[in-house]
Amino acid sequence: MTERTEGEVRAVLPTDLVIRVNVTLTNDPCALCGEPTDPTGIDLYLLADKPALVCHACGFLHAPALVRLLDLASAANTFVRAEYEMSGVQADEKHS
């Protein structure tokens, strides 16, 4: 892991961050600060040579609107799972 200076962190623009589906749930360090991330399946990434996970705190600092969208998606997912659970349907069950 490389050390990042304060100037490098400030150089990140909101357009450098994107929301992507994370198909491999890993606990990779944040691309900006090096702290552990908490991937949920739909995560914030830094677009660079190779997309890298960004933690909630850094995302909120550099692109608060995107982090709020992720929070809204998480809340909606929790609500839908609770509704499925109350009706007795498996939330991860695939219907053909």
PDB file of N, CA and C in Angstrom:
ATOM      1  N   MET A   1       0.848  -1.178   0.000  1.00  0.00           N
ATOM      2  CA  MET A   1       0.000   0.000   0.000  1.00  0.00           C
ATOM      3  C   MET A   1       0.890   1.237   0.000  1.00  0.00           C
ATOM      4  N   THR A   2       0.539   2.200  -0.812  1.00  0.00           N
ATOM      5  CA  THR A   2       1.340   3.411  -0.898  1.00  0.00           C
ATOM      6  C   THR A   2       0.771   4.480   0.012  1.00  0.00           C
ATOM      7  N   GLU A   3       1.660   5.286   0.543  1.00  0.00           N
ATOM      8  CA  GLU A   3       1.230   6.394   1.391  1.00  0.00           C
ATOM      9  C   GLU A   3       0.692   7.505   0.493  1.00  0.00           C
ATOM     10  N   ARG A   4      -0.359   8.130   0.904  1.00  0.00           N
ATOM     11  CA  ARG A   4      -0.949   9.222   0.139  1.00  0.00           C
ATOM     12  C   ARG A   4      -0.803  10.511   0.947  1.00  0.00           C
ATOM     13  N   THR A   5      -0.466  11.575   0.252  1.00  0.00           N
ATOM     14  CA  THR A   5      -0.329  12.856   0.927  1.00  0.00           C
ATOM     15  C   THR A   5      -1.675  13.554   0.956  1.00  0.00           C
ATOM     16  N   GLU A   6      -1.793  14.548   1.806  1.00  0.00           N
ATOM     17  CA  GLU A   6      -3.038  15.308   1.919  1.00  0.00           C
ATOM     18  C   GLU A   6      -3.403  15.950   0.590  1.00  0.00           C
ATOM     19  N   GLY A   7      -2.424  16.411  -0.169  1.00  0.00           N
ATOM     20  CA  GLY A   7      -2.670  17.041  -1.464  1.00  0.00           C
ATOM     21  C   GLY A   7      -3.278  16.081  -2.462  1.00  0.00           C
ATOM     22  N   GLU A   8      -2.850  14.812  -2.425  1.00  0.00           N
ATOM     23  CA  GLU A   8      -3.399  13.813  -3.337  1.00  0.00           C
ATOM     24  C   GLU A   8      -4.866  13.556  -3.041  1.00  0.00           C
ATOM     25  N   VAL A   9      -5.211  13.491  -1.780  1.00  0.00           N
ATOM     26  CA  VAL A   9      -6.596  13.231  -1.394  1.00  0.00           C
ATOM     27  C   VAL A   9      -7.484  14.378  -1.845  1.00  0.00           C
ATOM     28  N   ARG A  10      -7.039  15.587  -1.707  1.00  0.00           N
ATOM     29  CA  ARG A  10      -7.837  16.753  -2.103  1.00  0.00           C
ATOM     30  C   ARG A  10      -8.002  16.847  -3.615  1.00  0.00           C
ATOM     31  N   ALA A  11      -7.132  16.209  -4.389  1.00  0.00           N
ATOM     32  CA  ALA A  11      -7.189  16.289  -5.842  1.00  0.00           C
ATOM     33  C   ALA A  11      -8.319  15.442  -6.440  1.00  0.00           C
ATOM     34  N   VAL A  12      -9.009  14.648  -5.628  1.00  0.00           N
ATOM     35  CA  VAL A  12     -10.094  13.803  -6.117  1.00  0.00           C
ATOM     36  C   VAL A  12     -11.332  14.660  -6.361  1.00  0.00           C
ATOM     37  N   LEU A  13     -11.871  14.551  -7.556  1.00  0.00           N
ATOM     38  CA  LEU A  13     -13.093  15.274  -7.908  1.00  0.00           C
ATOM     39  C   LEU A  13     -14.292  14.337  -7.773  1.00  0.00           C
ATOM     40  N   PRO A  14     -15.491  14.876  -7.544  1.00  0.00           N
ATOM     41  CA  PRO A  14     -16.674  14.011  -7.466  1.00  0.00           C
ATOM     42  C   PRO A  14     -16.855  13.152  -8.715  1.00  0.00           C
ATOM     43  N   THR A  15     -16.434  13.668  -9.862  1.00  0.00           N
ATOM     44  CA  THR A  15     -16.574  12.899 -11.106  1.00  0.00           C
ATOM     45  C   THR A  15     -15.572  11.752 -11.207  1.00  0.00           C
ATOM     46  N   ASP A  16     -14.605  11.699 -10.298  1.00  0.00           N
ATOM     47  CA  ASP A  16     -13.648  10.591 -10.269  1.00  0.00           C
ATOM     48  C   ASP A  16     -14.216   9.377  -9.545  1.00  0.00           C
ATOM     49  N   LEU A  17     -15.357   9.533  -8.882  1.00  0.00           N
ATOM     50  CA  LEU A  17     -15.959   8.456  -8.108  1.00  0.00           C
ATOM     51  C   LEU A  17     -17.230   7.967  -8.795  1.00  0.00           C
ATOM     52  N   VAL A  18     -17.443   6.658  -8.754  1.00  0.00           N
ATOM     53  CA  VAL A  18     -18.626   6.065  -9.369  1.00  0.00           C
ATOM     54  C   VAL A  18     -19.216   5.005  -8.449  1.00  0.00           C
ATOM     55  N   ILE A  19     -20.503   4.721  -8.650  1.00  0.00           N
ATOM     56  CA  ILE A  19     -21.160   3.625  -7.955  1.00  0.00           C
ATOM     57  C   ILE A  19     -21.129   2.425  -8.883  1.00  0.00           C
ATOM     58  N   ARG A  20     -20.678   1.299  -8.339  1.00  0.00           N
ATOM     59  CA  ARG A  20     -20.613   0.065  -9.137  1.00  0.00           C
ATOM     60  C   ARG A  20     -21.097  -1.104  -8.301  1.00  0.00           C
ATOM     61  N   VAL A  21     -21.588  -2.129  -9.004  1.00  0.00           N
ATOM     62  CA  VAL A  21     -21.920  -3.377  -8.333  1.00  0.00           C
ATOM     63  C   VAL A  21     -20.611  -4.089  -8.051  1.00  0.00           C
ATOM     64  N   ASN A  22     -20.437  -4.501  -6.814  1.00  0.00           N
ATOM     65  CA  ASN A  22     -19.218  -5.178  -6.384  1.00  0.00           C
ATOM     66  C   ASN A  22     -19.526  -6.675  -6.318  1.00  0.00           C
ATOM     67  N   VAL A  23     -18.997  -7.442  -7.277  1.00  0.00           N
ATOM     68  CA  VAL A  23     -19.294  -8.877  -7.326  1.00  0.00           C
ATOM     69  C   VAL A  23     -18.366  -9.695  -6.433  1.00  0.00           C
ATOM     70  N   THR A  24     -17.282  -9.105  -5.979  1.00  0.00           N
ATOM     71  CA  THR A  24     -16.385  -9.792  -5.050  1.00  0.00           C
ATOM     72  C   THR A  24     -16.342  -9.004  -3.748  1.00  0.00           C
ATOM     73  N   LEU A  25     -17.001  -9.523  -2.738  1.00  0.00           N
ATOM     74  CA  LEU A  25     -17.043  -8.829  -1.452  1.00  0.00           C
ATOM     75  C   LEU A  25     -15.733  -9.045  -0.713  1.00  0.00           C
ATOM     76  N   THR A  26     -14.865  -8.070  -0.798  1.00  0.00           N
ATOM     77  CA  THR A  26     -13.580  -8.119  -0.116  1.00  0.00           C
ATOM     78  C   THR A  26     -13.488  -6.934   0.840  1.00  0.00           C
ATOM     79  N   ASN A  27     -12.559  -7.022   1.748  1.00  0.00           N
ATOM     80  CA  ASN A  27     -12.344  -5.935   2.694  1.00  0.00           C
ATOM     81  C   ASN A  27     -11.087  -5.173   2.300  1.00  0.00           C
ATOM     82  N   ASP A  28     -11.021  -4.777   1.023  1.00  0.00           N
ATOM     83  CA  ASP A  28      -9.861  -4.036   0.528  1.00  0.00           C
ATOM     84  C   ASP A  28      -9.761  -2.689   1.223  1.00  0.00           C
ATOM     85  N   PRO A  29      -8.553  -2.164   1.360  1.00  0.00           N
ATOM     86  CA  PRO A  29      -8.410  -0.833   1.956  1.00  0.00           C
ATOM     87  C   PRO A  29      -8.932   0.243   1.002  1.00  0.00           C
ATOM     88  N   CYS A  30      -9.341   1.348   1.572  1.00  0.00           N
ATOM     89  CA  CYS A  30      -9.810   2.489   0.793  1.00  0.00           C
ATOM     90  C   CYS A  30      -8.675   2.981  -0.109  1.00  0.00           C
ATOM     91  N   ALA A  31      -9.008   3.291  -1.350  1.00  0.00           N
ATOM     92  CA  ALA A  31      -8.019   3.772  -2.308  1.00  0.00           C
ATOM     93  C   ALA A  31      -7.496   5.160  -1.949  1.00  0.00           C
ATOM     94  N   LEU A  32      -8.214   5.875  -1.086  1.00  0.00           N
ATOM     95  CA  LEU A  32      -7.804   7.238  -0.745  1.00  0.00           C
ATOM     96  C   LEU A  32      -7.105   7.354   0.599  1.00  0.00           C
ATOM     97  N   CYS A  33      -7.639   6.668   1.627  1.00  0.00           N
ATOM     98  CA  CYS A  33      -7.068   6.844   2.962  1.00  0.00           C
ATOM     99  C   CYS A  33      -6.410   5.575   3.519  1.00  0.00           C
ATOM    100  N   GLY A  34      -6.664   4.425   2.911  1.00  0.00           N
ATOM    101  CA  GLY A  34      -6.055   3.181   3.367  1.00  0.00           C
ATOM    102  C   GLY A  34      -6.812   2.466   4.473  1.00  0.00           C
ATOM    103  N   GLU A  35      -7.890   3.067   4.987  1.00  0.00           N
ATOM    104  CA  GLU A  35      -8.702   2.421   6.019  1.00  0.00           C
ATOM    105  C   GLU A  35      -9.481   1.261   5.405  1.00  0.00           C
ATOM    106  N   PRO A  36      -9.874   0.272   6.222  1.00  0.00           N
ATOM    107  CA  PRO A  36     -10.673  -0.836   5.678  1.00  0.00           C
ATOM    108  C   PRO A  36     -12.022  -0.331   5.160  1.00  0.00           C
ATOM    109  N   THR A  37     -12.492  -0.967   4.101  1.00  0.00           N
ATOM    110  CA  THR A  37     -13.804  -0.645   3.558  1.00  0.00           C
ATOM    111  C   THR A  37     -14.803  -1.680   4.049  1.00  0.00           C
ATOM    112  N   ASP A  38     -16.066  -1.390   3.906  1.00  0.00           N
ATOM    113  CA  ASP A  38     -17.121  -2.316   4.295  1.00  0.00           C
ATOM    114  C   ASP A  38     -18.031  -2.522   3.087  1.00  0.00           C
ATOM    115  N   PRO A  39     -17.584  -3.334   2.116  1.00  0.00           N
ATOM    116  CA  PRO A  39     -18.358  -3.495   0.891  1.00  0.00           C
ATOM    117  C   PRO A  39     -19.709  -4.149   1.144  1.00  0.00           C
ATOM    118  N   THR A  40     -20.712  -3.675   0.420  1.00  0.00           N
ATOM    119  CA  THR A  40     -22.071  -4.175   0.610  1.00  0.00           C
ATOM    120  C   THR A  40     -22.664  -4.782  -0.649  1.00  0.00           C
ATOM    121  N   GLY A  41     -21.952  -4.723  -1.745  1.00  0.00           N
ATOM    122  CA  GLY A  41     -22.476  -5.237  -3.006  1.00  0.00           C
ATOM    123  C   GLY A  41     -22.686  -4.126  -4.018  1.00  0.00           C
ATOM    124  N   ILE A  42     -23.077  -2.958  -3.535  1.00  0.00           N
ATOM    125  CA  ILE A  42     -23.156  -1.761  -4.381  1.00  0.00           C
ATOM    126  C   ILE A  42     -22.278  -0.740  -3.673  1.00  0.00           C
ATOM    127  N   ASP A  43     -21.134  -0.443  -4.280  1.00  0.00           N
ATOM    128  CA  ASP A  43     -20.122   0.328  -3.564  1.00  0.00           C
ATOM    129  C   ASP A  43     -19.600   1.494  -4.383  1.00  0.00           C
ATOM    130  N   LEU A  44     -18.851   2.356  -3.706  1.00  0.00           N
ATOM    131  CA  LEU A  44     -18.236   3.520  -4.321  1.00  0.00           C
ATOM    132  C   LEU A  44     -16.818   3.163  -4.750  1.00  0.00           C
ATOM    133  N   TYR A  45     -16.477   3.530  -5.974  1.00  0.00           N
ATOM    134  CA  TYR A  45     -15.163   3.229  -6.530  1.00  0.00           C
ATOM    135  C   TYR A  45     -14.494   4.492  -7.035  1.00  0.00           C
ATOM    136  N   LEU A  46     -13.178   4.495  -6.962  1.00  0.00           N
ATOM    137  CA  LEU A  46     -12.360   5.539  -7.565  1.00  0.00           C
ATOM    138  C   LEU A  46     -11.982   5.053  -8.948  1.00  0.00           C
ATOM    139  N   LEU A  47     -12.299   5.849  -9.959  1.00  0.00           N
ATOM    140  CA  LEU A  47     -11.906   5.481 -11.319  1.00  0.00           C
ATOM    141  C   LEU A  47     -10.462   5.904 -11.530  1.00  0.00           C
ATOM    142  N   ALA A  48      -9.641   4.975 -11.821  1.00  0.00           N
ATOM    143  CA  ALA A  48      -8.238   5.228 -12.111  1.00  0.00           C
ATOM    144  C   ALA A  48      -7.824   4.182 -13.140  1.00  0.00           C
ATOM    145  N   ASP A  49      -6.547   3.817 -13.148  1.00  0.00           N
ATOM    146  CA  ASP A  49      -6.111   2.760 -14.048  1.00  0.00           C
ATOM    147  C   ASP A  49      -6.892   1.481 -13.776  1.00  0.00           C
ATOM    148  N   LYS A  50      -7.111   1.202 -12.511  1.00  0.00           N
ATOM    149  CA  LYS A  50      -7.884   0.039 -12.078  1.00  0.00           C
ATOM    150  C   LYS A  50      -8.855   0.522 -11.007  1.00  0.00           C
ATOM    151  N   PRO A  51     -10.171   0.304 -11.183  1.00  0.00           N
ATOM    152  CA  PRO A  51     -11.131   0.767 -10.169  1.00  0.00           C
ATOM    153  C   PRO A  51     -10.799   0.216  -8.784  1.00  0.00           C
ATOM    154  N   ALA A  52     -10.904   1.063  -7.766  1.00  0.00           N
ATOM    155  CA  ALA A  52     -10.575   0.670  -6.394  1.00  0.00           C
ATOM    156  C   ALA A  52     -11.650   1.184  -5.451  1.00  0.00           C
ATOM    157  N   LEU A  53     -11.946   0.385  -4.429  1.00  0.00           N
ATOM    158  CA  LEU A  53     -12.969   0.746  -3.440  1.00  0.00           C
ATOM    159  C   LEU A  53     -12.605   2.012  -2.673  1.00  0.00           C
ATOM    160  N   VAL A  54     -13.643   2.765  -2.313  1.00  0.00           N
ATOM    161  CA  VAL A  54     -13.481   3.973  -1.510  1.00  0.00           C
ATOM    162  C   VAL A  54     -14.383   3.829  -0.285  1.00  0.00           C
ATOM    163  N   CYS A  55     -13.877   4.160   0.888  1.00  0.00           N
ATOM    164  CA  CYS A  55     -14.658   4.038   2.125  1.00  0.00           C
ATOM    165  C   CYS A  55     -15.757   5.102   2.180  1.00  0.00           C
ATOM    166  N   HIS A  56     -16.699   4.886   3.070  1.00  0.00           N
ATOM    167  CA  HIS A  56     -17.844   5.779   3.244  1.00  0.00           C
ATOM    168  C   HIS A  56     -17.389   7.199   3.603  1.00  0.00           C
ATOM    169  N   ALA A  57     -16.428   7.303   4.501  1.00  0.00           N
ATOM    170  CA  ALA A  57     -15.972   8.626   4.956  1.00  0.00           C
ATOM    171  C   ALA A  57     -15.331   9.421   3.822  1.00  0.00           C
ATOM    172  N   CYS A  58     -14.450   8.795   3.052  1.00  0.00           N
ATOM    173  CA  CYS A  58     -13.808   9.501   1.933  1.00  0.00           C
ATOM    174  C   CYS A  58     -14.826   9.826   0.847  1.00  0.00           C
ATOM    175  N   GLY A  59     -15.745   8.906   0.614  1.00  0.00           N
ATOM    176  CA  GLY A  59     -16.793   9.153  -0.365  1.00  0.00           C
ATOM    177  C   GLY A  59     -17.641  10.347   0.036  1.00  0.00           C
ATOM    178  N   PHE A  60     -17.996  10.421   1.313  1.00  0.00           N
ATOM    179  CA  PHE A  60     -18.800  11.531   1.799  1.00  0.00           C
ATOM    180  C   PHE A  60     -18.045  12.852   1.689  1.00  0.00           C
ATOM    181  N   LEU A  61     -16.734  12.804   1.874  1.00  0.00           N
ATOM    182  CA  LEU A  61     -15.912  14.010   1.766  1.00  0.00           C
ATOM    183  C   LEU A  61     -15.843  14.512   0.319  1.00  0.00           C
ATOM    184  N   HIS A  62     -15.694  13.589  -0.632  1.00  0.00           N
ATOM    185  CA  HIS A  62     -15.456  13.971  -2.029  1.00  0.00           C
ATOM    186  C   HIS A  62     -16.701  13.946  -2.910  1.00  0.00           C
ATOM    187  N   ALA A  63     -17.688  13.121  -2.585  1.00  0.00           N
ATOM    188  CA  ALA A  63     -18.902  13.016  -3.406  1.00  0.00           C
ATOM    189  C   ALA A  63     -20.101  12.680  -2.514  1.00  0.00           C
ATOM    190  N   PRO A  64     -20.527  13.631  -1.691  1.00  0.00           N
ATOM    191  CA  PRO A  64     -21.606  13.355  -0.742  1.00  0.00           C
ATOM    192  C   PRO A  64     -22.908  12.901  -1.400  1.00  0.00           C
ATOM    193  N   ALA A  65     -23.214  13.394  -2.590  1.00  0.00           N
ATOM    194  CA  ALA A  65     -24.459  12.991  -3.255  1.00  0.00           C
ATOM    195  C   ALA A  65     -24.439  11.500  -3.587  1.00  0.00           C
ATOM    196  N   LEU A  66     -23.299  10.995  -4.029  1.00  0.00           N
ATOM    197  CA  LEU A  66     -23.199   9.570  -4.334  1.00  0.00           C
ATOM    198  C   LEU A  66     -23.335   8.717  -3.085  1.00  0.00           C
ATOM    199  N   VAL A  67     -22.750   9.162  -1.997  1.00  0.00           N
ATOM    200  CA  VAL A  67     -22.847   8.412  -0.739  1.00  0.00           C
ATOM    201  C   VAL A  67     -24.289   8.415  -0.242  1.00  0.00           C
ATOM    202  N   ARG A  68     -24.982   9.526  -0.410  1.00  0.00           N
ATOM    203  CA  ARG A  68     -26.397   9.573  -0.008  1.00  0.00           C
ATOM    204  C   ARG A  68     -27.233   8.623  -0.852  1.00  0.00           C
ATOM    205  N   LEU A  69     -26.906   8.500  -2.151  1.00  0.00           N
ATOM    206  CA  LEU A  69     -27.594   7.524  -2.998  1.00  0.00           C
ATOM    207  C   LEU A  69     -27.329   6.096  -2.519  1.00  0.00           C
ATOM    208  N   LEU A  70     -26.095   5.809  -2.138  1.00  0.00           N
ATOM    209  CA  LEU A  70     -25.774   4.484  -1.605  1.00  0.00           C
ATOM    210  C   LEU A  70     -26.543   4.227  -0.309  1.00  0.00           C
ATOM    211  N   ASP A  71     -26.633   5.216   0.549  1.00  0.00           N
ATOM    212  CA  ASP A  71     -27.383   5.068   1.799  1.00  0.00           C
ATOM    213  C   ASP A  71     -28.867   4.818   1.519  1.00  0.00           C
ATOM    214  N   LEU A  72     -29.407   5.526   0.534  1.00  0.00           N
ATOM    215  CA  LEU A  72     -30.808   5.337   0.156  1.00  0.00           C
ATOM    216  C   LEU A  72     -31.029   3.931  -0.400  1.00  0.00           C
ATOM    217  N   ALA A  73     -30.121   3.458  -1.239  1.00  0.00           N
ATOM    218  CA  ALA A  73     -30.229   2.102  -1.787  1.00  0.00           C
ATOM    219  C   ALA A  73     -30.157   1.062  -0.679  1.00  0.00           C
ATOM    220  N   SER A  74     -29.296   1.277   0.291  1.00  0.00           N
ATOM    221  CA  SER A  74     -29.171   0.361   1.417  1.00  0.00           C
ATOM    222  C   SER A  74     -30.455   0.334   2.248  1.00  0.00           C
ATOM    223  N   ALA A  75     -31.026   1.503   2.495  1.00  0.00           N
ATOM    224  CA  ALA A  75     -32.272   1.580   3.262  1.00  0.00           C
ATOM    225  C   ALA A  75     -33.406   0.891   2.506  1.00  0.00           C
ATOM    226  N   ALA A  76     -33.478   1.093   1.196  1.00  0.00           N
ATOM    227  CA  ALA A  76     -34.512   0.447   0.386  1.00  0.00           C
ATOM    228  C   ALA A  76     -34.339  -1.066   0.411  1.00  0.00           C
ATOM    229  N   ASN A  77     -33.112  -1.529   0.320  1.00  0.00           N
ATOM    230  CA  ASN A  77     -32.842  -2.965   0.360  1.00  0.00           C
ATOM    231  C   ASN A  77     -33.267  -3.566   1.699  1.00  0.00           C
ATOM    232  N   THR A  78     -32.975  -2.872   2.783  1.00  0.00           N
ATOM    233  CA  THR A  78     -33.376  -3.332   4.114  1.00  0.00           C
ATOM    234  C   THR A  78     -34.894  -3.406   4.220  1.00  0.00           C
ATOM    235  N   PHE A  79     -35.577  -2.392   3.705  1.00  0.00           N
ATOM    236  CA  PHE A  79     -37.037  -2.364   3.739  1.00  0.00           C
ATOM    237  C   PHE A  79     -37.623  -3.528   2.942  1.00  0.00           C
ATOM    238  N   VAL A  80     -37.127  -3.739   1.735  1.00  0.00           N
ATOM    239  CA  VAL A  80     -37.645  -4.812   0.882  1.00  0.00           C
ATOM    240  C   VAL A  80     -37.406  -6.171   1.526  1.00  0.00           C
ATOM    241  N   ARG A  81     -36.234  -6.384   2.081  1.00  0.00           N
ATOM    242  CA  ARG A  81     -35.956  -7.660   2.760  1.00  0.00           C
ATOM    243  C   ARG A  81     -36.906  -7.882   3.936  1.00  0.00           C
ATOM    244  N   ALA A  82     -37.188  -6.826   4.686  1.00  0.00           N
ATOM    245  CA  ALA A  82     -38.114  -6.944   5.816  1.00  0.00           C
ATOM    246  C   ALA A  82     -39.521  -7.274   5.329  1.00  0.00           C
ATOM    247  N   GLU A  83     -39.948  -6.647   4.233  1.00  0.00           N
ATOM    248  CA  GLU A  83     -41.266  -6.933   3.665  1.00  0.00           C
ATOM    249  C   GLU A  83     -41.356  -8.384   3.195  1.00  0.00           C
ATOM    250  N   TYR A  84     -40.304  -8.848   2.517  1.00  0.00           N
ATOM    251  CA  TYR A  84     -40.273 -10.248   2.074  1.00  0.00           C
ATOM    252  C   TYR A  84     -40.343 -11.186   3.269  1.00  0.00           C
ATOM    253  N   GLU A  85     -39.576 -10.859   4.303  1.00  0.00           N
ATOM    254  CA  GLU A  85     -39.532 -11.700   5.495  1.00  0.00           C
ATOM    255  C   GLU A  85     -40.909 -11.767   6.166  1.00  0.00           C
ATOM    256  N   MET A  86     -41.591 -10.633   6.248  1.00  0.00           N
ATOM    257  CA  MET A  86     -42.919 -10.609   6.864  1.00  0.00           C
ATOM    258  C   MET A  86     -43.930 -11.415   6.060  1.00  0.00           C
ATOM    259  N   SER A  87     -43.753 -11.470   4.730  1.00  0.00           N
ATOM    260  CA  SER A  87     -44.699 -12.211   3.903  1.00  0.00           C
ATOM    261  C   SER A  87     -44.266 -13.660   3.700  1.00  0.00           C
ATOM    262  N   GLY A  88     -43.139 -14.050   4.290  1.00  0.00           N
ATOM    263  CA  GLY A  88     -42.694 -15.438   4.222  1.00  0.00           C
ATOM    264  C   GLY A  88     -41.958 -15.810   2.953  1.00  0.00           C
ATOM    265  N   VAL A  89     -41.521 -14.831   2.166  1.00  0.00           N
ATOM    266  CA  VAL A  89     -40.794 -15.093   0.927  1.00  0.00           C
ATOM    267  C   VAL A  89     -39.305 -14.929   1.186  1.00  0.00           C
ATOM    268  N   GLN A  90     -38.510 -15.865   0.661  1.00  0.00           N
ATOM    269  CA  GLN A  90     -37.059 -15.741   0.770  1.00  0.00           C
ATOM    270  C   GLN A  90     -36.595 -14.586  -0.112  1.00  0.00           C
ATOM    271  N   ALA A  91     -35.860 -13.632   0.438  1.00  0.00           N
ATOM    272  CA  ALA A  91     -35.440 -12.437  -0.308  1.00  0.00           C
ATOM    273  C   ALA A  91     -34.459 -12.776  -1.418  1.00  0.00           C
ATOM    274  N   ASP A  92     -33.643 -13.809  -1.232  1.00  0.00           N
ATOM    275  CA  ASP A  92     -32.646 -14.162  -2.229  1.00  0.00           C
ATOM    276  C   ASP A  92     -33.129 -15.249  -3.178  1.00  0.00           C
ATOM    277  N   GLU A  93     -34.375 -15.665  -3.011  1.00  0.00           N
ATOM    278  CA  GLU A  93     -34.932 -16.747  -3.820  1.00  0.00           C
ATOM    279  C   GLU A  93     -35.169 -16.257  -5.246  1.00  0.00           C
ATOM    280  N   LYS A  94     -34.741 -17.066  -6.227  1.00  0.00           N
ATOM    281  CA  LYS A  94     -34.943 -16.716  -7.627  1.00  0.00           C
ATOM    282  C   LYS A  94     -36.228 -17.378  -8.094  1.00  0.00           C
ATOM    283  N   HIS A  95     -37.049 -16.607  -8.765  1.00  0.00           N
ATOM    284  CA  HIS A  95     -38.301 -17.135  -9.303  1.00  0.00           C
ATOM    285  C   HIS A  95     -38.141 -17.323 -10.809  1.00  0.00           C
ATOM    286  N   SER A  96     -38.564 -18.481 -11.300  1.00  0.00           N
ATOM    287  CA  SER A  96     -38.455 -18.692 -12.753  1.00  0.00           C
ATOM    288  C   SER A  96     -39.785 -18.621 -13.445  1.00  0.00           C
TER     289      SER A  96
END
